[in-house]
Amino acid sequence: MRTSKLGILVALLLLAACGAPTEPAATDQPAGAEAAATPSVPESELVTSNIVGTERIGRFELGAHYARLSPTQPTSSSPDRVEVAEVFWYGCPHCFNFDPLLERWRAAQPEHVSFVRVPAVWNPLLQLHARAFYTAETLGKGAEMHSAFFREIHEQRNMLDTEAKLTEFFGRFGVDAAAFKTAFDSFEVHTKLQRADELSRRYHIESVPTIVVNGKYTTGGSQIASYEELLELVDALVAEEHSAR
């Protein structure tokens, strides 16, 4: 039996523990196309501090549990709020398992915390899922469909890896094929994809889920023993940033 190239890609991604290639792919290619590397931000302009023992926030140590971006990157939130951004992929089992805890954490946050999601876009399959995420957002269906994307992929084993599958999926949420196509191909969604690609490079994203606090600190599952500990660290980083205002 023949196996499609995209099917092989899906299998390899799931086995790869949601890790990114060295350089993320550009976001202007159609789904299924070969991914072309996007030049990374020059190291002279953007670096992550990874020197163990140079800084601590609570019981967490720079280089061991989190990294610091230099220079600090601008956020999309108002200056009086601390932004927490999750870089994720719907096909990542770690993101799927982390999402319910993250949702409960988000619901309990005070007014000064702003939470945003940034989809990873480093290859054609992730770009397709990122486009679906922004399409749902554009149609006002983001909150309603977010968890459903995860369940469809990880529980129903439907990878949503073609535009036709996504059209059918959106139809379950009252979006007809024409409305889906218009939003899916829109300039607004394309612009958001380009922004997600830029942020992935500026944040030095190497795996998902990754959390970025206020454009300054990054941390993720490879640095922390559990999702609960990851959220404890995020709380500590948020408190540090809020107290510095």
C-alpha atoms as a PDB file:
ATOM      1  CA  MET A   1       0.000   0.000   0.000  1.00  0.00           C
ATOM      2  CA  ARG A   2       1.322   3.423  -0.932  1.00  0.00           C
ATOM      3  CA  THR A   3       1.912   6.032   1.761  1.00  0.00           C
ATOM      4  CA  SER A   4       1.643   9.720   0.876  1.00  0.00           C
ATOM      5  CA  LYS A   5       4.500  12.087   1.554  1.00  0.00           C
ATOM      6  CA  LEU A   6       2.249  14.097   3.874  1.00  0.00           C
ATOM      7  CA  GLY A   7       1.297  10.928   5.762  1.00  0.00           C
ATOM      8  CA  ILE A   8       4.960  10.149   6.327  1.00  0.00           C
ATOM      9  CA  LEU A   9       5.526  13.737   7.475  1.00  0.00           C
ATOM     10  CA  VAL A  10       2.684  13.441   9.992  1.00  0.00           C
ATOM     11  CA  ALA A  11       4.121  10.230  11.437  1.00  0.00           C
ATOM     12  CA  LEU A  12       7.615  11.667  11.710  1.00  0.00           C
ATOM     13  CA  LEU A  13       6.341  14.810  13.435  1.00  0.00           C
ATOM     14  CA  LEU A  14       4.482  12.827  16.072  1.00  0.00           C
ATOM     15  CA  LEU A  15       7.573  10.744  16.756  1.00  0.00           C
ATOM     16  CA  ALA A  16       9.788  13.804  16.955  1.00  0.00           C
ATOM     17  CA  ALA A  17       8.317  15.052  20.247  1.00  0.00           C
ATOM     18  CA  CYS A  18       7.125  18.295  18.648  1.00  0.00           C
ATOM     19  CA  GLY A  19      10.611  19.628  17.937  1.00  0.00           C
ATOM     20  CA  ALA A  20      11.379  22.279  15.355  1.00  0.00           C
ATOM     21  CA  PRO A  21      14.048  22.189  12.652  1.00  0.00           C
ATOM     22  CA  THR A  22      17.079  24.430  13.047  1.00  0.00           C
ATOM     23  CA  GLU A  23      15.428  27.152  10.959  1.00  0.00           C
ATOM     24  CA  PRO A  24      11.634  27.599  10.719  1.00  0.00           C
ATOM     25  CA  ALA A  25      10.026  27.434   7.276  1.00  0.00           C
ATOM     26  CA  ALA A  26       8.537  30.411   5.455  1.00  0.00           C
ATOM     27  CA  THR A  27       4.737  30.708   5.642  1.00  0.00           C
ATOM     28  CA  ASP A  28       3.891  31.661   2.068  1.00  0.00           C
ATOM     29  CA  GLN A  29       3.890  28.138   0.621  1.00  0.00           C
ATOM     30  CA  PRO A  30       0.758  26.052   0.020  1.00  0.00           C
ATOM     31  CA  ALA A  31       0.118  23.092   2.307  1.00  0.00           C
ATOM     32  CA  GLY A  32       1.929  19.989   1.107  1.00  0.00           C
ATOM     33  CA  ALA A  33       4.731  21.895  -0.600  1.00  0.00           C
ATOM     34  CA  GLU A  34       8.357  21.326   0.299  1.00  0.00           C
ATOM     35  CA  ALA A  35       9.349  23.638   3.163  1.00  0.00           C
ATOM     36  CA  ALA A  36      11.935  26.276   2.351  1.00  0.00           C
ATOM     37  CA  ALA A  37      14.152  27.539   5.152  1.00  0.00           C
ATOM     38  CA  THR A  38      13.663  31.077   6.355  1.00  0.00           C
ATOM     39  CA  PRO A  39      16.862  32.906   7.352  1.00  0.00           C
ATOM     40  CA  SER A  40      17.069  33.261  11.115  1.00  0.00           C
ATOM     41  CA  VAL A  41      17.497  36.580  12.886  1.00  0.00           C
ATOM     42  CA  PRO A  42      21.246  37.349  13.009  1.00  0.00           C
ATOM     43  CA  GLU A  43      22.843  36.298  16.279  1.00  0.00           C
ATOM     44  CA  SER A  44      24.330  39.776  16.616  1.00  0.00           C
ATOM     45  CA  GLU A  45      20.767  41.106  16.849  1.00  0.00           C
ATOM     46  CA  LEU A  46      19.083  38.462  18.962  1.00  0.00           C
ATOM     47  CA  VAL A  47      20.490  35.969  21.451  1.00  0.00           C
ATOM     48  CA  THR A  48      19.183  33.910  24.354  1.00  0.00           C
ATOM     49  CA  SER A  49      21.088  33.958  27.618  1.00  0.00           C
ATOM     50  CA  ASN A  50      21.839  30.424  28.748  1.00  0.00           C
ATOM     51  CA  ILE A  51      24.475  30.904  31.423  1.00  0.00           C
ATOM     52  CA  VAL A  52      23.593  28.741  34.407  1.00  0.00           C
ATOM     53  CA  GLY A  53      23.764  30.437  37.781  1.00  0.00           C
ATOM     54  CA  THR A  54      23.816  34.062  36.588  1.00  0.00           C
ATOM     55  CA  GLU A  55      20.249  34.751  37.694  1.00  0.00           C
ATOM     56  CA  ARG A  56      17.491  33.203  39.762  1.00  0.00           C
ATOM     57  CA  ILE A  57      13.803  33.945  40.033  1.00  0.00           C
ATOM     58  CA  GLY A  58      12.474  32.161  43.091  1.00  0.00           C
ATOM     59  CA  ARG A  59      13.794  28.604  42.978  1.00  0.00           C
ATOM     60  CA  PHE A  60      14.224  28.702  39.198  1.00  0.00           C
ATOM     61  CA  GLU A  61      17.602  29.245  37.565  1.00  0.00           C
ATOM     62  CA  LEU A  62      18.488  31.020  34.348  1.00  0.00           C
ATOM     63  CA  GLY A  63      19.859  28.564  31.810  1.00  0.00           C
ATOM     64  CA  ALA A  64      18.554  25.543  33.690  1.00  0.00           C
ATOM     65  CA  HIS A  65      14.824  26.340  33.772  1.00  0.00           C
ATOM     66  CA  TYR A  66      14.391  29.369  31.517  1.00  0.00           C
ATOM     67  CA  ALA A  67      16.243  31.540  29.015  1.00  0.00           C
ATOM     68  CA  ARG A  68      16.327  35.285  28.571  1.00  0.00           C
ATOM     69  CA  LEU A  69      15.921  36.953  25.187  1.00  0.00           C
ATOM     70  CA  SER A  70      18.221  39.843  24.378  1.00  0.00           C
ATOM     71  CA  PRO A  71      16.989  42.272  23.308  1.00  0.00           C
ATOM     72  CA  THR A  72      13.536  41.930  24.835  1.00  0.00           C
ATOM     73  CA  GLN A  73      10.957  41.568  22.073  1.00  0.00           C
ATOM     74  CA  PRO A  74       7.891  43.836  21.696  1.00  0.00           C
ATOM     75  CA  THR A  75       4.533  42.338  22.663  1.00  0.00           C
ATOM     76  CA  SER A  76       1.046  42.743  21.242  1.00  0.00           C
ATOM     77  CA  SER A  77      -0.416  43.610  24.667  1.00  0.00           C
ATOM     78  CA  SER A  78      -0.808  47.019  26.289  1.00  0.00           C
ATOM     79  CA  PRO A  79       2.235  48.285  28.218  1.00  0.00           C
ATOM     80  CA  ASP A  80       0.477  48.009  31.583  1.00  0.00           C
ATOM     81  CA  ARG A  81      -0.037  44.243  31.190  1.00  0.00           C
ATOM     82  CA  VAL A  82       2.361  41.291  31.370  1.00  0.00           C
ATOM     83  CA  GLU A  83       1.993  39.179  28.244  1.00  0.00           C
ATOM     84  CA  VAL A  84       2.179  35.379  28.405  1.00  0.00           C
ATOM     85  CA  ALA A  85       2.373  33.798  24.949  1.00  0.00           C
ATOM     86  CA  GLU A  86       2.092  30.081  24.243  1.00  0.00           C
ATOM     87  CA  VAL A  87       3.704  28.821  21.039  1.00  0.00           C
ATOM     88  CA  PHE A  88       1.888  25.596  20.180  1.00  0.00           C
ATOM     89  CA  TRP A  89       0.847  23.126  17.479  1.00  0.00           C
ATOM     90  CA  TYR A  90      -2.484  21.316  17.338  1.00  0.00           C
ATOM     91  CA  GLY A  91      -0.762  18.086  16.276  1.00  0.00           C
ATOM     92  CA  CYS A  92       1.621  18.041  19.256  1.00  0.00           C
ATOM     93  CA  PRO A  93       0.595  15.519  21.952  1.00  0.00           C
ATOM     94  CA  HIS A  94       2.419  17.584  24.594  1.00  0.00           C
ATOM     95  CA  CYS A  95       0.402  20.691  23.670  1.00  0.00           C
ATOM     96  CA  PHE A  96      -2.780  18.578  23.778  1.00  0.00           C
ATOM     97  CA  ASN A  97      -2.000  17.319  27.290  1.00  0.00           C
ATOM     98  CA  PHE A  98      -0.895  20.744  28.517  1.00  0.00           C
ATOM     99  CA  ASP A  99      -3.884  22.655  27.139  1.00  0.00           C
ATOM    100  CA  PRO A 100      -6.475  21.826  29.875  1.00  0.00           C
ATOM    101  CA  LEU A 101      -4.052  22.904  32.618  1.00  0.00           C
ATOM    102  CA  LEU A 102      -3.180  26.044  30.692  1.00  0.00           C
ATOM    103  CA  GLU A 103      -6.856  26.884  30.216  1.00  0.00           C
ATOM    104  CA  ARG A 104      -7.516  26.600  33.963  1.00  0.00           C
ATOM    105  CA  TRP A 105      -4.428  28.725  34.659  1.00  0.00           C
ATOM    106  CA  ARG A 106      -5.533  31.362  32.146  1.00  0.00           C
ATOM    107  CA  ALA A 107      -9.025  31.599  33.639  1.00  0.00           C
ATOM    108  CA  ALA A 108      -7.561  32.348  37.075  1.00  0.00           C
ATOM    109  CA  GLN A 109      -5.239  35.167  36.017  1.00  0.00           C
ATOM    110  CA  PRO A 110      -5.585  38.747  37.293  1.00  0.00           C
ATOM    111  CA  GLU A 111      -6.307  41.712  35.043  1.00  0.00           C
ATOM    112  CA  HIS A 112      -2.641  42.623  34.593  1.00  0.00           C
ATOM    113  CA  VAL A 113      -1.879  39.336  32.760  1.00  0.00           C
ATOM    114  CA  SER A 114      -2.570  39.115  29.028  1.00  0.00           C
ATOM    115  CA  PHE A 115      -2.578  35.620  27.472  1.00  0.00           C
ATOM    116  CA  VAL A 116      -2.081  35.044  23.735  1.00  0.00           C
ATOM    117  CA  ARG A 117      -1.466  32.011  21.530  1.00  0.00           C
ATOM    118  CA  VAL A 118       1.016  31.843  18.666  1.00  0.00           C
ATOM    119  CA  PRO A 119       0.838  28.774  16.383  1.00  0.00           C
ATOM    120  CA  ALA A 120       4.132  27.227  15.281  1.00  0.00           C
ATOM    121  CA  VAL A 121       4.709  27.409  11.511  1.00  0.00           C
ATOM    122  CA  TRP A 122       7.994  25.678  10.726  1.00  0.00           C
ATOM    123  CA  ASN A 123       6.731  23.306   8.017  1.00  0.00           C
ATOM    124  CA  PRO A 124       3.737  22.974   5.643  1.00  0.00           C
ATOM    125  CA  LEU A 125       1.576  20.855   7.984  1.00  0.00           C
ATOM    126  CA  LEU A 126       2.045  23.272  10.895  1.00  0.00           C
ATOM    127  CA  GLN A 127       1.357  26.177   8.542  1.00  0.00           C
ATOM    128  CA  LEU A 128      -1.932  24.542   7.538  1.00  0.00           C
ATOM    129  CA  HIS A 129      -2.962  24.129  11.185  1.00  0.00           C
ATOM    130  CA  ALA A 130      -1.837  27.683  11.972  1.00  0.00           C
ATOM    131  CA  ARG A 131      -3.947  28.967   9.077  1.00  0.00           C
ATOM    132  CA  ALA A 132      -6.899  27.020  10.505  1.00  0.00           C
ATOM    133  CA  PHE A 133      -6.310  28.586  13.941  1.00  0.00           C
ATOM    134  CA  TYR A 134      -6.322  32.114  12.507  1.00  0.00           C
ATOM    135  CA  THR A 135      -9.287  31.315  10.258  1.00  0.00           C
ATOM    136  CA  ALA A 136     -11.320  30.289  13.305  1.00  0.00           C
ATOM    137  CA  GLU A 137     -10.195  33.462  15.073  1.00  0.00           C
ATOM    138  CA  THR A 138     -11.163  35.630  12.074  1.00  0.00           C
ATOM    139  CA  LEU A 139     -14.615  34.023  11.927  1.00  0.00           C
ATOM    140  CA  GLY A 140     -15.200  34.605  15.642  1.00  0.00           C
ATOM    141  CA  LYS A 141     -14.985  30.862  16.329  1.00  0.00           C
ATOM    142  CA  GLY A 142     -11.591  30.729  18.025  1.00  0.00           C
ATOM    143  CA  ALA A 143     -12.742  30.109  21.593  1.00  0.00           C
ATOM    144  CA  GLU A 144     -15.396  27.621  20.479  1.00  0.00           C
ATOM    145  CA  MET A 145     -13.108  25.589  18.221  1.00  0.00           C
ATOM    146  CA  HIS A 146      -9.735  25.632  20.001  1.00  0.00           C
ATOM    147  CA  SER A 147     -10.169  22.538  22.169  1.00  0.00           C
ATOM    148  CA  ALA A 148     -12.132  20.840  19.389  1.00  0.00           C
ATOM    149  CA  PHE A 149      -9.104  21.009  17.072  1.00  0.00           C
ATOM    150  CA  PHE A 150      -7.054  19.128  19.659  1.00  0.00           C
ATOM    151  CA  ARG A 151      -9.750  16.506  20.243  1.00  0.00           C
ATOM    152  CA  GLU A 152     -10.319  15.904  16.546  1.00  0.00           C
ATOM    153  CA  ILE A 153      -6.626  15.242  15.951  1.00  0.00           C
ATOM    154  CA  HIS A 154      -5.697  13.323  19.092  1.00  0.00           C
ATOM    155  CA  GLU A 155      -8.909  11.515  19.975  1.00  0.00           C
ATOM    156  CA  GLN A 156     -10.574  11.051  16.584  1.00  0.00           C
ATOM    157  CA  ARG A 157      -7.232  10.522  14.773  1.00  0.00           C
ATOM    158  CA  ASN A 158      -8.212  12.967  12.044  1.00  0.00           C
ATOM    159  CA  MET A 159      -5.076  15.009  11.374  1.00  0.00           C
ATOM    160  CA  LEU A 160      -7.005  17.779   9.556  1.00  0.00           C
ATOM    161  CA  ASP A 161      -4.141  17.724   7.085  1.00  0.00           C
ATOM    162  CA  THR A 162      -5.988  18.948   3.977  1.00  0.00           C
ATOM    163  CA  GLU A 163      -8.100  21.964   3.162  1.00  0.00           C
ATOM    164  CA  ALA A 164     -11.026  19.646   2.361  1.00  0.00           C
ATOM    165  CA  LYS A 165     -10.893  18.081   5.843  1.00  0.00           C
ATOM    166  CA  LEU A 166     -10.778  21.522   7.408  1.00  0.00           C
ATOM    167  CA  THR A 167     -13.754  22.679   5.321  1.00  0.00           C
ATOM    168  CA  GLU A 168     -15.783  19.746   6.642  1.00  0.00           C
ATOM    169  CA  PHE A 169     -14.605  20.357  10.200  1.00  0.00           C
ATOM    170  CA  PHE A 170     -15.535  24.045  10.144  1.00  0.00           C
ATOM    171  CA  GLY A 171     -18.927  23.051   8.763  1.00  0.00           C
ATOM    172  CA  ARG A 172     -19.696  21.308  12.055  1.00  0.00           C
ATOM    173  CA  PHE A 173     -19.467  24.732  13.716  1.00  0.00           C
ATOM    174  CA  GLY A 174     -21.888  26.449  11.353  1.00  0.00           C
ATOM    175  CA  VAL A 175     -19.320  27.783   8.872  1.00  0.00           C
ATOM    176  CA  ASP A 176     -20.297  27.081   5.260  1.00  0.00           C
ATOM    177  CA  ALA A 177     -17.676  26.235   2.644  1.00  0.00           C
ATOM    178  CA  ALA A 178     -17.724  29.675   1.012  1.00  0.00           C
ATOM    179  CA  ALA A 179     -17.281  31.559   4.288  1.00  0.00           C
ATOM    180  CA  PHE A 180     -14.468  29.207   5.296  1.00  0.00           C
ATOM    181  CA  LYS A 181     -12.659  29.636   1.972  1.00  0.00           C
ATOM    182  CA  THR A 182     -12.924  33.429   2.088  1.00  0.00           C
ATOM    183  CA  ALA A 183     -11.456  33.603   5.592  1.00  0.00           C
ATOM    184  CA  PHE A 184      -8.883  30.846   4.977  1.00  0.00           C
ATOM    185  CA  ASP A 185      -7.430  32.702   1.957  1.00  0.00           C
ATOM    186  CA  SER A 186      -7.833  36.207   3.399  1.00  0.00           C
ATOM    187  CA  PHE A 187      -5.127  38.846   3.651  1.00  0.00           C
ATOM    188  CA  GLU A 188      -5.846  39.099   7.392  1.00  0.00           C
ATOM    189  CA  VAL A 189      -5.014  35.428   7.972  1.00  0.00           C
ATOM    190  CA  HIS A 190      -1.954  35.601   5.703  1.00  0.00           C
ATOM    191  CA  THR A 191      -0.651  38.619   7.648  1.00  0.00           C
ATOM    192  CA  LYS A 192      -1.101  36.808  10.967  1.00  0.00           C
ATOM    193  CA  LEU A 193       0.800  33.808   9.595  1.00  0.00           C
ATOM    194  CA  GLN A 194       3.695  36.042   8.637  1.00  0.00           C
ATOM    195  CA  ARG A 195       3.683  37.547  12.121  1.00  0.00           C
ATOM    196  CA  ALA A 196       3.693  34.070  13.707  1.00  0.00           C
ATOM    197  CA  ASP A 197       6.700  33.122  11.570  1.00  0.00           C
ATOM    198  CA  GLU A 198       8.546  36.276  12.627  1.00  0.00           C
ATOM    199  CA  LEU A 199       7.811  35.659  16.307  1.00  0.00           C
ATOM    200  CA  SER A 200       8.952  32.027  16.092  1.00  0.00           C
ATOM    201  CA  ARG A 201      12.326  33.195  14.798  1.00  0.00           C
ATOM    202  CA  ARG A 202      12.643  36.054  17.265  1.00  0.00           C
ATOM    203  CA  TYR A 203      11.728  33.793  20.179  1.00  0.00           C
ATOM    204  CA  HIS A 204      14.182  31.092  18.998  1.00  0.00           C
ATOM    205  CA  ILE A 205      11.435  28.451  19.115  1.00  0.00           C
ATOM    206  CA  GLU A 206      12.912  24.937  19.022  1.00  0.00           C
ATOM    207  CA  SER A 207       9.997  22.908  20.384  1.00  0.00           C
ATOM    208  CA  VAL A 208       6.408  23.232  21.519  1.00  0.00           C
ATOM    209  CA  PRO A 209       4.822  24.026  23.831  1.00  0.00           C
ATOM    210  CA  THR A 210       7.029  27.019  24.604  1.00  0.00           C
ATOM    211  CA  ILE A 211       5.940  29.865  26.889  1.00  0.00           C
ATOM    212  CA  VAL A 212       7.230  33.403  26.337  1.00  0.00           C
ATOM    213  CA  VAL A 213       6.733  35.885  29.182  1.00  0.00           C
ATOM    214  CA  ASN A 214       6.578  39.563  28.219  1.00  0.00           C
ATOM    215  CA  GLY A 215       8.877  39.066  25.233  1.00  0.00           C
ATOM    216  CA  LYS A 216      11.746  38.564  27.663  1.00  0.00           C
ATOM    217  CA  TYR A 217      11.766  35.024  29.086  1.00  0.00           C
ATOM    218  CA  THR A 218      11.227  31.670  27.375  1.00  0.00           C
ATOM    219  CA  THR A 219      10.642  28.264  28.923  1.00  0.00           C
ATOM    220  CA  GLY A 220       9.135  24.941  27.952  1.00  0.00           C
ATOM    221  CA  GLY A 221       8.763  21.226  28.573  1.00  0.00           C
ATOM    222  CA  SER A 222      12.400  20.405  27.818  1.00  0.00           C
ATOM    223  CA  GLN A 223      13.507  22.592  30.750  1.00  0.00           C
ATOM    224  CA  ILE A 224      10.857  21.690  33.331  1.00  0.00           C
ATOM    225  CA  ALA A 225       9.899  18.388  34.989  1.00  0.00           C
ATOM    226  CA  SER A 226       6.103  18.734  34.784  1.00  0.00           C
ATOM    227  CA  TYR A 227       3.354  20.961  33.393  1.00  0.00           C
ATOM    228  CA  GLU A 228       2.466  22.035  36.932  1.00  0.00           C
ATOM    229  CA  GLU A 229       6.065  23.135  37.521  1.00  0.00           C
ATOM    230  CA  LEU A 230       6.055  24.945  34.185  1.00  0.00           C
ATOM    231  CA  LEU A 231       3.043  27.007  35.259  1.00  0.00           C
ATOM    232  CA  GLU A 232       4.684  27.656  38.639  1.00  0.00           C
ATOM    233  CA  LEU A 233       7.675  29.085  36.786  1.00  0.00           C
ATOM    234  CA  VAL A 234       5.416  31.171  34.546  1.00  0.00           C
ATOM    235  CA  ASP A 235       3.774  32.613  37.659  1.00  0.00           C
ATOM    236  CA  ALA A 236       7.209  33.504  39.057  1.00  0.00           C
ATOM    237  CA  LEU A 237       8.270  35.183  35.808  1.00  0.00           C
ATOM    238  CA  VAL A 238       4.984  37.106  35.598  1.00  0.00           C
ATOM    239  CA  ALA A 239       5.386  38.293  39.197  1.00  0.00           C
ATOM    240  CA  GLU A 240       8.945  39.417  38.443  1.00  0.00           C
ATOM    241  CA  GLU A 241       7.813  41.442  35.448  1.00  0.00           C
ATOM    242  CA  HIS A 242       4.794  42.921  37.254  1.00  0.00           C
ATOM    243  CA  SER A 243       6.874  44.005  40.265  1.00  0.00           C
ATOM    244  CA  ALA A 244       9.356  45.760  37.986  1.00  0.00           C
ATOM    245  CA  ARG A 245       6.698  48.180  36.686  1.00  0.00           C
END
